[in-house]
Amino acid sequence: MQAPLFRDPIYDGATDPTLIYNRAAGEWWLVYTSRHVV
C-alpha cells in the first residue's frame, strides 16, 4: 500500500479505524475516533 487508507488532514488525529461492510448499502464504511487537543 502506497498511501494511508484515511488521514485526517486538519488535526491528523484519526485513530482506531474499523472497516465495516454495510450489506444494505453494498458499500464499505470506515468508522474511527478522533483525538485532538482543543
Protein backbone atom coordinates (compact mmCIF):
# COMPACT_ATOMS: atom_id res chain seq x y z
CA MET A 1 0.00 0.00 0.00
CA GLN A 2 1.48 3.33 -1.07
CA ALA A 3 -0.71 5.69 0.97
CA PRO A 4 -2.77 5.52 4.16
CA LEU A 5 -6.38 4.37 3.86
CA PHE A 6 -7.54 7.53 5.64
CA ARG A 7 -5.75 10.56 7.05
CA ASP A 8 -7.29 13.49 8.88
CA PRO A 9 -5.66 16.48 7.11
CA ILE A 10 -6.83 19.08 9.67
CA TYR A 11 -6.00 17.55 13.05
CA ASP A 12 -4.11 14.40 11.97
CA GLY A 13 -5.79 12.60 14.85
CA ALA A 14 -7.87 9.79 13.32
CA THR A 15 -7.36 6.68 15.47
CA ASP A 16 -8.80 3.20 15.99
CA PRO A 17 -10.07 2.76 12.41
CA THR A 18 -12.55 -0.07 11.80
CA LEU A 19 -13.79 -1.18 8.38
CA ILE A 20 -17.42 -2.34 8.31
CA TYR A 21 -19.23 -3.74 5.28
CA ASN A 22 -22.79 -2.38 5.09
CA ARG A 23 -24.76 -5.11 3.33
CA ALA A 24 -27.89 -2.95 2.93
CA ALA A 25 -25.96 -0.20 1.13
CA GLY A 26 -23.46 -2.58 -0.53
CA GLU A 27 -20.50 -0.45 0.49
CA TRP A 28 -17.61 -0.32 2.95
CA TRP A 29 -17.74 2.17 5.83
CA LEU A 30 -14.72 3.41 7.75
CA VAL A 31 -15.53 4.30 11.36
CA TYR A 32 -12.87 5.95 13.52
CA THR A 33 -12.40 8.02 16.65
CA SER A 34 -10.89 11.47 16.51
CA ARG A 35 -8.41 12.67 19.10
CA HIS A 36 -7.19 16.23 19.12
CA VAL A 37 -6.39 18.90 21.66
CA VAL A 38 -8.98 21.64 21.85
